[in-house]
Amino acid sequence: MKIGILAYQGSFEEHFHHLRLAMSSSETQGEVLPVRKLNDIKVIDGIIIPGGESTTLGVLMRRMGILDELREVIRSGLPVFGTCAGAIMLAKESADAKVKMEQPLLGVMDMAVVRNYYGRQRESFQETIDATSIGAGKVLVPFIRAPVISKVWGPTEILVQLEGRPVMVREGNALATTFHPELSSTPSFHGYFLRLVKR
């Protein structure tokens, strides 16, 4: 098994660490690889799109020639896990809480997101969520310049909520969180993603 992590920006090193922990705890043999160019996509069995700045992520993906190809392989079944900005990239609809904006999106999940919903960097916070639905129990997770999932439809399933708002959702082979699981104390979220890849 080879899991790629889009390595343009964001806390991709922490994702590497949590993936390796999840592989070890589940006795899964695998590699974790950085994804930066088109050829990198051709050798992976799943991909994580980390946080960062979603507009910049989209522009870089387009410039490096992987945006359209990645969209197609995800639609064809490649498992994907988007966190924070990565969740924005997966959404079919995106808006900003303050300004009207357009950005390149993968647009593979039936959900709408609002960027920077809680405010900018200084409004970032930690909150305990109940992730029992994926076997993680109650976990303290950080929301950093976090988006909010304002709407889901079609087959998108809400896995975890915070104060009535979805913070972790799944649609088939696609998984998204508005928080940063790689900065939590548990690899359970990455373990859940590995189970999707193994299916």
N, C-alpha and C. Protein backbone atom coordinates (compact mmCIF):
# COMPACT_ATOMS: atom_id res chain seq x y z
N MET A 1 0.85 -1.19 0.00
CA MET A 1 0.00 0.00 0.00
C MET A 1 0.89 1.25 0.00
N LYS A 2 0.54 2.20 -0.87
CA LYS A 2 1.26 3.48 -0.93
C LYS A 2 0.27 4.62 -0.77
N ILE A 3 0.48 5.43 0.28
CA ILE A 3 -0.38 6.58 0.53
C ILE A 3 0.40 7.84 0.23
N GLY A 4 -0.15 8.69 -0.62
CA GLY A 4 0.48 9.95 -0.95
C GLY A 4 -0.06 11.09 -0.10
N ILE A 5 0.79 12.07 0.15
CA ILE A 5 0.36 13.29 0.83
C ILE A 5 0.75 14.47 -0.05
N LEU A 6 -0.22 15.28 -0.43
CA LEU A 6 0.06 16.46 -1.23
C LEU A 6 0.99 17.36 -0.43
N ALA A 7 2.18 17.59 -0.94
CA ALA A 7 3.24 18.20 -0.13
C ALA A 7 3.64 19.58 -0.65
N TYR A 8 2.67 20.44 -0.86
CA TYR A 8 2.97 21.81 -1.27
C TYR A 8 3.05 22.74 -0.06
N GLN A 9 2.14 22.59 0.88
CA GLN A 9 2.10 23.44 2.06
C GLN A 9 1.29 22.73 3.13
N GLY A 10 1.17 23.35 4.30
CA GLY A 10 0.41 22.74 5.38
C GLY A 10 1.27 21.77 6.17
N SER A 11 0.65 21.10 7.13
CA SER A 11 1.39 20.24 8.07
C SER A 11 1.52 18.82 7.54
N PHE A 12 2.12 18.69 6.34
CA PHE A 12 2.19 17.36 5.74
C PHE A 12 3.15 16.44 6.51
N GLU A 13 4.15 17.00 7.19
CA GLU A 13 5.04 16.14 7.97
C GLU A 13 4.29 15.49 9.12
N GLU A 14 3.35 16.21 9.75
CA GLU A 14 2.54 15.62 10.81
C GLU A 14 1.61 14.54 10.27
N HIS A 15 1.12 14.73 9.05
CA HIS A 15 0.32 13.67 8.41
C HIS A 15 1.18 12.42 8.19
N PHE A 16 2.43 12.61 7.73
CA PHE A 16 3.34 11.48 7.57
C PHE A 16 3.44 10.71 8.89
N HIS A 17 3.67 11.43 9.98
CA HIS A 17 3.85 10.81 11.30
C HIS A 17 2.60 10.04 11.72
N HIS A 18 1.42 10.65 11.60
CA HIS A 18 0.19 9.99 12.03
C HIS A 18 -0.15 8.79 11.13
N LEU A 19 0.14 8.89 9.86
CA LEU A 19 -0.09 7.75 8.97
C LEU A 19 0.79 6.57 9.36
N ARG A 20 2.05 6.84 9.64
CA ARG A 20 2.95 5.76 10.04
C ARG A 20 2.50 5.12 11.35
N LEU A 21 2.03 5.96 12.30
CA LEU A 21 1.49 5.42 13.56
C LEU A 21 0.27 4.54 13.29
N ALA A 22 -0.62 5.01 12.40
CA ALA A 22 -1.82 4.24 12.08
C ALA A 22 -1.47 2.93 11.39
N MET A 23 -0.47 2.97 10.51
CA MET A 23 -0.02 1.74 9.84
C MET A 23 0.55 0.76 10.86
N SER A 24 1.35 1.28 11.76
CA SER A 24 1.98 0.42 12.77
C SER A 24 0.93 -0.22 13.69
N SER A 25 -0.04 0.59 14.16
CA SER A 25 -1.02 0.06 15.11
C SER A 25 -1.98 -0.93 14.46
N SER A 26 -2.16 -0.83 13.15
CA SER A 26 -3.05 -1.76 12.45
C SER A 26 -2.28 -2.85 11.71
N GLU A 27 -0.96 -2.88 11.95
CA GLU A 27 -0.08 -3.85 11.28
C GLU A 27 -0.27 -3.83 9.77
N THR A 28 -0.32 -2.62 9.23
CA THR A 28 -0.47 -2.42 7.79
C THR A 28 0.90 -2.15 7.17
N GLN A 29 1.26 -2.94 6.18
CA GLN A 29 2.50 -2.70 5.46
C GLN A 29 2.26 -1.61 4.42
N GLY A 30 3.10 -0.58 4.44
CA GLY A 30 2.88 0.47 3.45
C GLY A 30 3.94 1.53 3.48
N GLU A 31 3.88 2.39 2.48
CA GLU A 31 4.78 3.53 2.36
C GLU A 31 3.95 4.81 2.36
N VAL A 32 4.58 5.88 2.82
CA VAL A 32 3.98 7.21 2.76
C VAL A 32 4.86 8.06 1.86
N LEU A 33 4.27 8.62 0.80
CA LEU A 33 5.05 9.32 -0.22
C LEU A 33 4.56 10.75 -0.41
N PRO A 34 5.48 11.69 -0.65
CA PRO A 34 5.05 13.05 -1.01
C PRO A 34 4.52 13.08 -2.44
N VAL A 35 3.49 13.87 -2.66
CA VAL A 35 2.93 14.05 -4.01
C VAL A 35 3.11 15.51 -4.40
N ARG A 36 3.83 15.73 -5.49
CA ARG A 36 4.04 17.09 -5.97
C ARG A 36 3.79 17.23 -7.47
N LYS A 37 3.93 16.14 -8.20
CA LYS A 37 3.79 16.22 -9.65
C LYS A 37 2.94 15.06 -10.18
N LEU A 38 2.62 15.14 -11.45
CA LEU A 38 1.65 14.22 -12.05
C LEU A 38 2.05 12.76 -11.89
N ASN A 39 3.31 12.43 -12.12
CA ASN A 39 3.73 11.04 -12.04
C ASN A 39 3.56 10.45 -10.65
N ASP A 40 3.60 11.30 -9.61
CA ASP A 40 3.44 10.81 -8.24
C ASP A 40 2.07 10.20 -8.03
N ILE A 41 1.06 10.71 -8.74
CA ILE A 41 -0.32 10.21 -8.57
C ILE A 41 -0.47 8.79 -9.09
N LYS A 42 0.35 8.42 -10.05
CA LYS A 42 0.18 7.15 -10.73
C LYS A 42 0.58 5.94 -9.90
N VAL A 43 1.28 6.16 -8.77
CA VAL A 43 1.80 5.02 -8.00
C VAL A 43 1.14 4.88 -6.63
N ILE A 44 0.13 5.71 -6.33
CA ILE A 44 -0.44 5.69 -4.98
C ILE A 44 -1.80 4.98 -4.94
N ASP A 45 -2.14 4.50 -3.74
CA ASP A 45 -3.42 3.82 -3.51
C ASP A 45 -4.41 4.70 -2.76
N GLY A 46 -3.97 5.86 -2.31
CA GLY A 46 -4.81 6.82 -1.60
C GLY A 46 -4.02 8.11 -1.43
N ILE A 47 -4.71 9.22 -1.18
CA ILE A 47 -4.01 10.49 -1.04
C ILE A 47 -4.65 11.34 0.06
N ILE A 48 -3.81 12.07 0.79
CA ILE A 48 -4.26 13.05 1.78
C ILE A 48 -3.96 14.45 1.25
N ILE A 49 -4.96 15.32 1.31
CA ILE A 49 -4.78 16.72 0.95
C ILE A 49 -4.84 17.51 2.26
N PRO A 50 -3.70 18.04 2.72
CA PRO A 50 -3.64 18.66 4.04
C PRO A 50 -4.17 20.09 4.05
N GLY A 51 -4.08 20.69 5.24
CA GLY A 51 -4.47 22.09 5.38
C GLY A 51 -3.48 23.02 4.69
N GLY A 52 -3.69 24.30 4.88
CA GLY A 52 -2.90 25.32 4.21
C GLY A 52 -3.84 26.43 3.79
N GLU A 53 -3.60 26.97 2.63
CA GLU A 53 -4.48 28.01 2.09
C GLU A 53 -5.09 27.45 0.82
N SER A 54 -6.40 27.27 0.81
CA SER A 54 -7.03 26.48 -0.25
C SER A 54 -6.89 27.11 -1.63
N THR A 55 -6.96 28.42 -1.73
CA THR A 55 -6.79 29.06 -3.03
C THR A 55 -5.39 28.78 -3.57
N THR A 56 -4.38 28.93 -2.71
CA THR A 56 -3.00 28.66 -3.12
C THR A 56 -2.83 27.20 -3.51
N LEU A 57 -3.43 26.28 -2.73
CA LEU A 57 -3.36 24.86 -3.07
C LEU A 57 -3.91 24.60 -4.46
N GLY A 58 -5.08 25.17 -4.74
CA GLY A 58 -5.70 24.97 -6.05
C GLY A 58 -4.85 25.52 -7.18
N VAL A 59 -4.29 26.70 -6.98
CA VAL A 59 -3.44 27.33 -8.00
C VAL A 59 -2.19 26.48 -8.24
N LEU A 60 -1.56 26.01 -7.16
CA LEU A 60 -0.36 25.18 -7.30
C LEU A 60 -0.68 23.85 -7.99
N MET A 61 -1.81 23.25 -7.63
CA MET A 61 -2.19 21.98 -8.27
C MET A 61 -2.42 22.17 -9.76
N ARG A 62 -3.05 23.28 -10.10
CA ARG A 62 -3.27 23.57 -11.52
C ARG A 62 -1.95 23.83 -12.24
N ARG A 63 -1.08 24.62 -11.60
CA ARG A 63 0.21 24.96 -12.21
C ARG A 63 1.08 23.72 -12.41
N MET A 64 1.02 22.79 -11.46
CA MET A 64 1.82 21.56 -11.55
C MET A 64 1.16 20.50 -12.42
N GLY A 65 -0.04 20.81 -12.93
CA GLY A 65 -0.70 19.92 -13.88
C GLY A 65 -1.37 18.71 -13.27
N ILE A 66 -1.69 18.77 -11.96
CA ILE A 66 -2.30 17.58 -11.34
C ILE A 66 -3.77 17.77 -10.97
N LEU A 67 -4.29 18.99 -11.04
CA LEU A 67 -5.66 19.24 -10.57
C LEU A 67 -6.68 18.38 -11.31
N ASP A 68 -6.66 18.44 -12.63
CA ASP A 68 -7.67 17.71 -13.41
C ASP A 68 -7.47 16.21 -13.32
N GLU A 69 -6.22 15.76 -13.35
CA GLU A 69 -5.94 14.32 -13.26
C GLU A 69 -6.36 13.76 -11.90
N LEU A 70 -6.06 14.51 -10.84
CA LEU A 70 -6.43 14.05 -9.50
C LEU A 70 -7.94 13.97 -9.37
N ARG A 71 -8.65 14.95 -9.91
CA ARG A 71 -10.11 14.91 -9.88
C ARG A 71 -10.62 13.63 -10.55
N GLU A 72 -10.05 13.28 -11.69
CA GLU A 72 -10.52 12.11 -12.43
C GLU A 72 -10.24 10.81 -11.69
N VAL A 73 -9.03 10.70 -11.09
CA VAL A 73 -8.73 9.43 -10.40
C VAL A 73 -9.54 9.29 -9.11
N ILE A 74 -9.86 10.42 -8.47
CA ILE A 74 -10.75 10.35 -7.29
C ILE A 74 -12.14 9.92 -7.73
N ARG A 75 -12.63 10.49 -8.81
CA ARG A 75 -13.95 10.09 -9.32
C ARG A 75 -13.97 8.62 -9.74
N SER A 76 -12.80 8.12 -10.12
CA SER A 76 -12.70 6.71 -10.53
C SER A 76 -12.47 5.78 -9.35
N GLY A 77 -12.35 6.34 -8.13
CA GLY A 77 -12.28 5.48 -6.95
C GLY A 77 -11.07 5.64 -6.05
N LEU A 78 -10.09 6.50 -6.40
CA LEU A 78 -8.93 6.67 -5.53
C LEU A 78 -9.37 7.26 -4.19
N PRO A 79 -9.11 6.60 -3.07
CA PRO A 79 -9.48 7.17 -1.77
C PRO A 79 -8.73 8.48 -1.49
N VAL A 80 -9.46 9.45 -0.94
CA VAL A 80 -8.88 10.77 -0.65
C VAL A 80 -9.36 11.24 0.71
N PHE A 81 -8.46 11.92 1.43
CA PHE A 81 -8.76 12.45 2.76
C PHE A 81 -8.33 13.92 2.76
N GLY A 82 -9.30 14.83 2.80
CA GLY A 82 -9.01 16.26 2.82
C GLY A 82 -9.22 16.83 4.20
N THR A 83 -8.23 17.54 4.72
CA THR A 83 -8.34 18.14 6.05
C THR A 83 -8.26 19.66 5.95
N CYS A 84 -9.20 20.35 6.55
CA CYS A 84 -9.26 21.82 6.57
C CYS A 84 -9.27 22.35 5.13
N ALA A 85 -8.17 22.93 4.66
CA ALA A 85 -8.14 23.42 3.27
C ALA A 85 -8.38 22.28 2.28
N GLY A 86 -7.92 21.07 2.64
CA GLY A 86 -8.17 19.91 1.80
C GLY A 86 -9.64 19.60 1.67
N ALA A 87 -10.40 19.82 2.76
CA ALA A 87 -11.86 19.63 2.71
C ALA A 87 -12.50 20.64 1.76
N ILE A 88 -12.00 21.86 1.80
CA ILE A 88 -12.50 22.89 0.88
C ILE A 88 -12.27 22.45 -0.56
N MET A 89 -11.09 21.91 -0.84
CA MET A 89 -10.75 21.47 -2.20
C MET A 89 -11.69 20.37 -2.69
N LEU A 90 -12.17 19.53 -1.76
CA LEU A 90 -13.04 18.40 -2.16
C LEU A 90 -14.48 18.83 -2.42
N ALA A 91 -14.88 19.98 -1.86
CA ALA A 91 -16.28 20.40 -1.93
C ALA A 91 -16.70 20.81 -3.33
N LYS A 92 -17.98 20.62 -3.62
CA LYS A 92 -18.53 21.09 -4.91
C LYS A 92 -18.85 22.58 -4.87
N GLU A 93 -19.06 23.12 -3.66
CA GLU A 93 -19.36 24.55 -3.52
C GLU A 93 -18.51 25.14 -2.42
N SER A 94 -17.97 26.34 -2.67
CA SER A 94 -17.14 27.01 -1.68
C SER A 94 -17.42 28.50 -1.69
N ALA A 95 -17.46 29.10 -0.50
CA ALA A 95 -17.62 30.55 -0.39
C ALA A 95 -16.76 31.02 0.76
N ASP A 96 -16.53 32.31 0.84
CA ASP A 96 -15.78 32.90 1.94
C ASP A 96 -16.75 33.62 2.86
N ALA A 97 -16.48 33.57 4.15
CA ALA A 97 -17.37 34.20 5.12
C ALA A 97 -17.39 35.72 4.96
N LYS A 98 -16.32 36.29 4.40
CA LYS A 98 -16.20 37.75 4.32
C LYS A 98 -16.38 38.29 2.91
N VAL A 99 -15.77 37.63 1.93
CA VAL A 99 -15.76 38.17 0.57
C VAL A 99 -16.19 37.10 -0.43
N LYS A 100 -16.73 37.56 -1.55
CA LYS A 100 -17.07 36.65 -2.64
C LYS A 100 -15.77 36.24 -3.33
N MET A 101 -15.60 34.94 -3.57
CA MET A 101 -14.36 34.49 -4.15
C MET A 101 -14.60 33.27 -5.05
N GLU A 102 -13.65 33.08 -5.95
CA GLU A 102 -13.65 31.89 -6.79
C GLU A 102 -12.28 31.25 -6.68
N GLN A 103 -12.23 29.93 -6.74
CA GLN A 103 -10.95 29.25 -6.64
C GLN A 103 -11.07 27.90 -7.34
N PRO A 104 -9.93 27.35 -7.77
CA PRO A 104 -9.97 26.01 -8.35
C PRO A 104 -10.33 24.99 -7.28
N LEU A 105 -11.26 24.10 -7.58
CA LEU A 105 -11.67 23.05 -6.65
C LEU A 105 -11.63 21.70 -7.35
N LEU A 106 -11.46 20.64 -6.57
CA LEU A 106 -11.61 19.30 -7.12
C LEU A 106 -13.09 18.98 -7.31
N GLY A 107 -13.93 19.44 -6.39
CA GLY A 107 -15.38 19.33 -6.55
C GLY A 107 -15.89 17.91 -6.66
N VAL A 108 -15.44 17.04 -5.73
CA VAL A 108 -15.82 15.63 -5.82
C VAL A 108 -16.78 15.18 -4.70
N MET A 109 -17.11 16.08 -3.77
CA MET A 109 -18.02 15.71 -2.69
C MET A 109 -19.25 16.59 -2.68
N ASP A 110 -20.40 15.99 -2.42
CA ASP A 110 -21.67 16.72 -2.36
C ASP A 110 -21.77 17.49 -1.05
N MET A 111 -21.05 18.59 -1.00
CA MET A 111 -21.10 19.46 0.18
C MET A 111 -20.71 20.88 -0.20
N ALA A 112 -21.16 21.81 0.63
CA ALA A 112 -20.79 23.22 0.49
C ALA A 112 -20.02 23.63 1.73
N VAL A 113 -18.96 24.41 1.55
CA VAL A 113 -18.16 24.87 2.67
C VAL A 113 -18.05 26.39 2.65
N VAL A 114 -17.87 26.95 3.83
CA VAL A 114 -17.59 28.38 3.97
C VAL A 114 -16.20 28.49 4.59
N ARG A 115 -15.29 29.12 3.85
CA ARG A 115 -13.91 29.27 4.33
C ARG A 115 -13.84 30.25 5.50
N ASN A 116 -12.85 30.03 6.36
CA ASN A 116 -12.57 30.96 7.47
C ASN A 116 -13.84 31.31 8.26
N TYR A 117 -14.69 30.33 8.45
CA TYR A 117 -15.99 30.58 9.06
C TYR A 117 -15.86 31.17 10.46
N TYR A 118 -14.91 30.67 11.22
CA TYR A 118 -14.77 31.09 12.62
C TYR A 118 -13.88 32.33 12.76
N GLY A 119 -13.29 32.78 11.66
CA GLY A 119 -12.40 33.93 11.71
C GLY A 119 -11.00 33.57 11.25
N ARG A 120 -10.08 34.46 11.48
CA ARG A 120 -8.70 34.29 11.03
C ARG A 120 -7.88 33.53 12.08
N GLN A 121 -6.56 33.60 11.96
CA GLN A 121 -5.66 32.81 12.80
C GLN A 121 -5.92 32.98 14.29
N ARG A 122 -6.14 34.21 14.74
CA ARG A 122 -6.29 34.45 16.18
C ARG A 122 -7.59 33.87 16.74
N GLU A 123 -8.55 33.56 15.86
CA GLU A 123 -9.80 32.94 16.32
C GLU A 123 -9.74 31.41 16.29
N SER A 124 -8.56 30.86 16.01
CA SER A 124 -8.42 29.41 16.02
C SER A 124 -8.65 28.88 17.44
N PHE A 125 -9.08 27.62 17.55
CA PHE A 125 -9.43 27.08 18.86
C PHE A 125 -9.30 25.56 18.85
N GLN A 126 -9.36 24.96 20.05
CA GLN A 126 -9.42 23.50 20.19
C GLN A 126 -10.75 23.13 20.81
N GLU A 127 -11.25 21.98 20.41
CA GLU A 127 -12.55 21.53 20.95
C GLU A 127 -12.54 20.00 21.02
N THR A 128 -13.22 19.47 22.01
CA THR A 128 -13.37 18.02 22.11
C THR A 128 -14.57 17.59 21.29
N ILE A 129 -14.34 16.65 20.38
CA ILE A 129 -15.41 16.11 19.55
C ILE A 129 -15.63 14.65 19.91
N ASP A 130 -16.84 14.17 19.64
CA ASP A 130 -17.17 12.77 19.88
C ASP A 130 -17.07 12.02 18.56
N ALA A 131 -15.96 11.30 18.40
CA ALA A 131 -15.70 10.55 17.17
C ALA A 131 -15.92 9.06 17.37
N THR A 132 -16.87 8.72 18.22
CA THR A 132 -17.20 7.32 18.49
C THR A 132 -17.61 6.59 17.21
N SER A 133 -18.23 7.32 16.28
CA SER A 133 -18.72 6.69 15.04
C SER A 133 -17.60 6.08 14.21
N ILE A 134 -16.37 6.54 14.39
CA ILE A 134 -15.25 5.95 13.65
C ILE A 134 -14.31 5.18 14.58
N GLY A 135 -14.74 4.99 15.84
CA GLY A 135 -13.95 4.23 16.79
C GLY A 135 -12.88 5.01 17.52
N ALA A 136 -12.98 6.34 17.51
CA ALA A 136 -11.94 7.16 18.14
C ALA A 136 -12.34 7.68 19.52
N GLY A 137 -13.61 7.62 19.88
CA GLY A 137 -14.07 8.16 21.15
C GLY A 137 -14.03 9.68 21.16
N LYS A 138 -13.84 10.26 22.34
CA LYS A 138 -13.78 11.72 22.46
C LYS A 138 -12.34 12.19 22.30
N VAL A 139 -12.14 13.16 21.40
CA VAL A 139 -10.79 13.60 21.04
C VAL A 139 -10.74 15.12 21.01
N LEU A 140 -9.67 15.69 21.57
CA LEU A 140 -9.42 17.12 21.47
C LEU A 140 -8.72 17.40 20.14
N VAL A 141 -9.34 18.26 19.31
CA VAL A 141 -8.78 18.54 17.99
C VAL A 141 -8.71 20.06 17.75
N PRO A 142 -7.74 20.51 16.97
CA PRO A 142 -7.63 21.94 16.68
C PRO A 142 -8.38 22.35 15.41
N PHE A 143 -9.02 23.50 15.49
CA PHE A 143 -9.66 24.15 14.34
C PHE A 143 -8.87 25.42 14.06
N ILE A 144 -8.11 25.42 12.97
CA ILE A 144 -7.20 26.53 12.66
C ILE A 144 -7.68 27.23 11.38
N ARG A 145 -8.15 28.46 11.53
CA ARG A 145 -8.76 29.17 10.39
C ARG A 145 -9.73 28.24 9.68
N ALA A 146 -10.53 27.58 10.47
CA ALA A 146 -11.30 26.44 9.97
C ALA A 146 -12.50 26.86 9.12
N PRO A 147 -12.78 26.05 8.10
CA PRO A 147 -14.03 26.23 7.36
C PRO A 147 -15.17 25.58 8.11
N VAL A 148 -16.39 25.80 7.62
CA VAL A 148 -17.53 25.07 8.14
C VAL A 148 -18.22 24.40 6.96
N ILE A 149 -18.71 23.19 7.18
CA ILE A 149 -19.52 22.51 6.17
C ILE A 149 -20.95 23.00 6.36
N SER A 150 -21.41 23.83 5.44
CA SER A 150 -22.71 24.47 5.61
C SER A 150 -23.86 23.65 5.09
N LYS A 151 -23.55 22.66 4.23
CA LYS A 151 -24.62 21.86 3.63
C LYS A 151 -24.03 20.58 3.06
N VAL A 152 -24.74 19.47 3.21
CA VAL A 152 -24.40 18.23 2.51
C VAL A 152 -25.66 17.73 1.81
N TRP A 153 -25.47 16.98 0.76
CA TRP A 153 -26.61 16.41 0.04
C TRP A 153 -26.16 15.11 -0.63
N GLY A 154 -27.09 14.48 -1.32
CA GLY A 154 -26.76 13.23 -2.01
C GLY A 154 -26.25 12.18 -1.05
N PRO A 155 -25.20 11.44 -1.45
CA PRO A 155 -24.71 10.34 -0.62
C PRO A 155 -23.74 10.76 0.49
N THR A 156 -23.44 12.05 0.62
CA THR A 156 -22.49 12.47 1.65
C THR A 156 -23.07 12.20 3.04
N GLU A 157 -22.27 11.53 3.86
CA GLU A 157 -22.70 11.08 5.19
C GLU A 157 -21.96 11.87 6.27
N ILE A 158 -22.69 12.37 7.25
CA ILE A 158 -22.08 13.08 8.37
C ILE A 158 -21.61 12.05 9.39
N LEU A 159 -20.31 12.05 9.69
CA LEU A 159 -19.73 11.11 10.64
C LEU A 159 -19.58 11.71 12.03
N VAL A 160 -19.17 12.99 12.10
CA VAL A 160 -18.93 13.65 13.38
C VAL A 160 -19.46 15.08 13.28
N GLN A 161 -20.09 15.54 14.38
CA GLN A 161 -20.59 16.91 14.42
C GLN A 161 -20.03 17.64 15.64
N LEU A 162 -20.04 18.95 15.56
CA LEU A 162 -19.70 19.81 16.69
C LEU A 162 -20.78 20.89 16.77
N GLU A 163 -21.51 20.90 17.86
CA GLU A 163 -22.59 21.86 18.06
C GLU A 163 -23.56 21.89 16.87
N GLY A 164 -23.88 20.69 16.38
CA GLY A 164 -24.85 20.55 15.31
C GLY A 164 -24.31 20.78 13.90
N ARG A 165 -23.03 21.07 13.79
CA ARG A 165 -22.43 21.29 12.46
C ARG A 165 -21.52 20.12 12.09
N PRO A 166 -21.58 19.65 10.84
CA PRO A 166 -20.69 18.56 10.43
C PRO A 166 -19.23 19.00 10.47
N VAL A 167 -18.37 18.17 11.07
CA VAL A 167 -16.93 18.44 11.05
C VAL A 167 -16.14 17.29 10.44
N MET A 168 -16.82 16.17 10.20
CA MET A 168 -16.20 15.04 9.48
C MET A 168 -17.28 14.38 8.66
N VAL A 169 -17.03 14.26 7.36
CA VAL A 169 -18.02 13.69 6.45
C VAL A 169 -17.34 12.71 5.50
N ARG A 170 -18.16 11.84 4.94
CA ARG A 170 -17.65 10.86 3.98
C ARG A 170 -18.63 10.70 2.83
N GLU A 171 -18.09 10.58 1.65
CA GLU A 171 -18.88 10.22 0.47
C GLU A 171 -18.12 9.16 -0.30
N GLY A 172 -18.51 7.91 -0.12
CA GLY A 172 -17.83 6.81 -0.81
C GLY A 172 -16.35 6.75 -0.44
N ASN A 173 -15.48 6.99 -1.41
CA ASN A 173 -14.03 6.92 -1.22
C ASN A 173 -13.43 8.24 -0.74
N ALA A 174 -14.27 9.25 -0.49
CA ALA A 174 -13.78 10.58 -0.10
C ALA A 174 -14.15 10.89 1.34
N LEU A 175 -13.16 11.39 2.09
CA LEU A 175 -13.30 11.70 3.51
C LEU A 175 -12.82 13.13 3.73
N ALA A 176 -13.52 13.88 4.59
CA ALA A 176 -13.12 15.27 4.83
C ALA A 176 -13.35 15.64 6.29
N THR A 177 -12.41 16.42 6.85
CA THR A 177 -12.57 17.00 8.18
C THR A 177 -12.29 18.50 8.10
N THR A 178 -13.01 19.28 8.90
CA THR A 178 -12.74 20.72 8.95
C THR A 178 -11.68 21.03 10.00
N PHE A 179 -11.33 20.05 10.83
CA PHE A 179 -10.28 20.22 11.82
C PHE A 179 -8.98 19.57 11.33
N HIS A 180 -7.94 19.64 12.16
CA HIS A 180 -6.63 19.09 11.81
C HIS A 180 -6.36 17.81 12.61
N PRO A 181 -6.71 16.64 12.08
CA PRO A 181 -6.49 15.40 12.81
C PRO A 181 -5.01 15.09 13.02
N GLU A 182 -4.17 15.60 12.14
CA GLU A 182 -2.73 15.34 12.25
C GLU A 182 -2.09 16.07 13.42
N LEU A 183 -2.82 17.04 14.01
CA LEU A 183 -2.32 17.77 15.18
C LEU A 183 -3.01 17.31 16.46
N SER A 184 -3.78 16.22 16.35
CA SER A 184 -4.42 15.64 17.54
C SER A 184 -3.48 14.60 18.15
N SER A 185 -3.89 14.03 19.27
CA SER A 185 -3.04 13.07 19.98
C SER A 185 -3.27 11.63 19.51
N THR A 186 -4.13 11.44 18.52
CA THR A 186 -4.47 10.07 18.10
C THR A 186 -4.33 9.90 16.58
N PRO A 187 -3.87 8.72 16.14
CA PRO A 187 -3.85 8.41 14.71
C PRO A 187 -5.15 7.76 14.23
N SER A 188 -6.20 7.81 15.07
CA SER A 188 -7.45 7.10 14.74
C SER A 188 -8.09 7.58 13.44
N PHE A 189 -8.01 8.89 13.16
CA PHE A 189 -8.62 9.41 11.93
C PHE A 189 -7.87 8.90 10.71
N HIS A 190 -6.55 8.83 10.80
CA HIS A 190 -5.76 8.28 9.71
C HIS A 190 -5.98 6.77 9.59
N GLY A 191 -6.21 6.12 10.75
CA GLY A 191 -6.53 4.70 10.71
C GLY A 191 -7.85 4.43 10.00
N TYR A 192 -8.82 5.29 10.23
CA TYR A 192 -10.11 5.17 9.54
C TYR A 192 -9.91 5.31 8.03
N PHE A 193 -9.06 6.29 7.63
CA PHE A 193 -8.78 6.46 6.21
C PHE A 193 -8.10 5.23 5.63
N LEU A 194 -7.17 4.64 6.36
CA LEU A 194 -6.51 3.43 5.87
C LEU A 194 -7.52 2.31 5.63
N ARG A 195 -8.53 2.24 6.49
CA ARG A 195 -9.57 1.21 6.28
C ARG A 195 -10.34 1.46 4.98
N LEU A 196 -10.54 2.74 4.61
CA LEU A 196 -11.17 3.05 3.32
C LEU A 196 -10.29 2.60 2.17
N VAL A 197 -8.99 2.82 2.32
CA VAL A 197 -8.05 2.45 1.25
C VAL A 197 -8.04 0.94 1.06
N LYS A 198 -8.14 0.20 2.15
CA LYS A 198 -8.06 -1.27 2.08
C LYS A 198 -9.31 -1.90 1.47
N ARG A 199 -10.43 -1.19 1.48
CA ARG A 199 -11.70 -1.77 1.00
C ARG A 199 -11.61 -2.23 -0.44
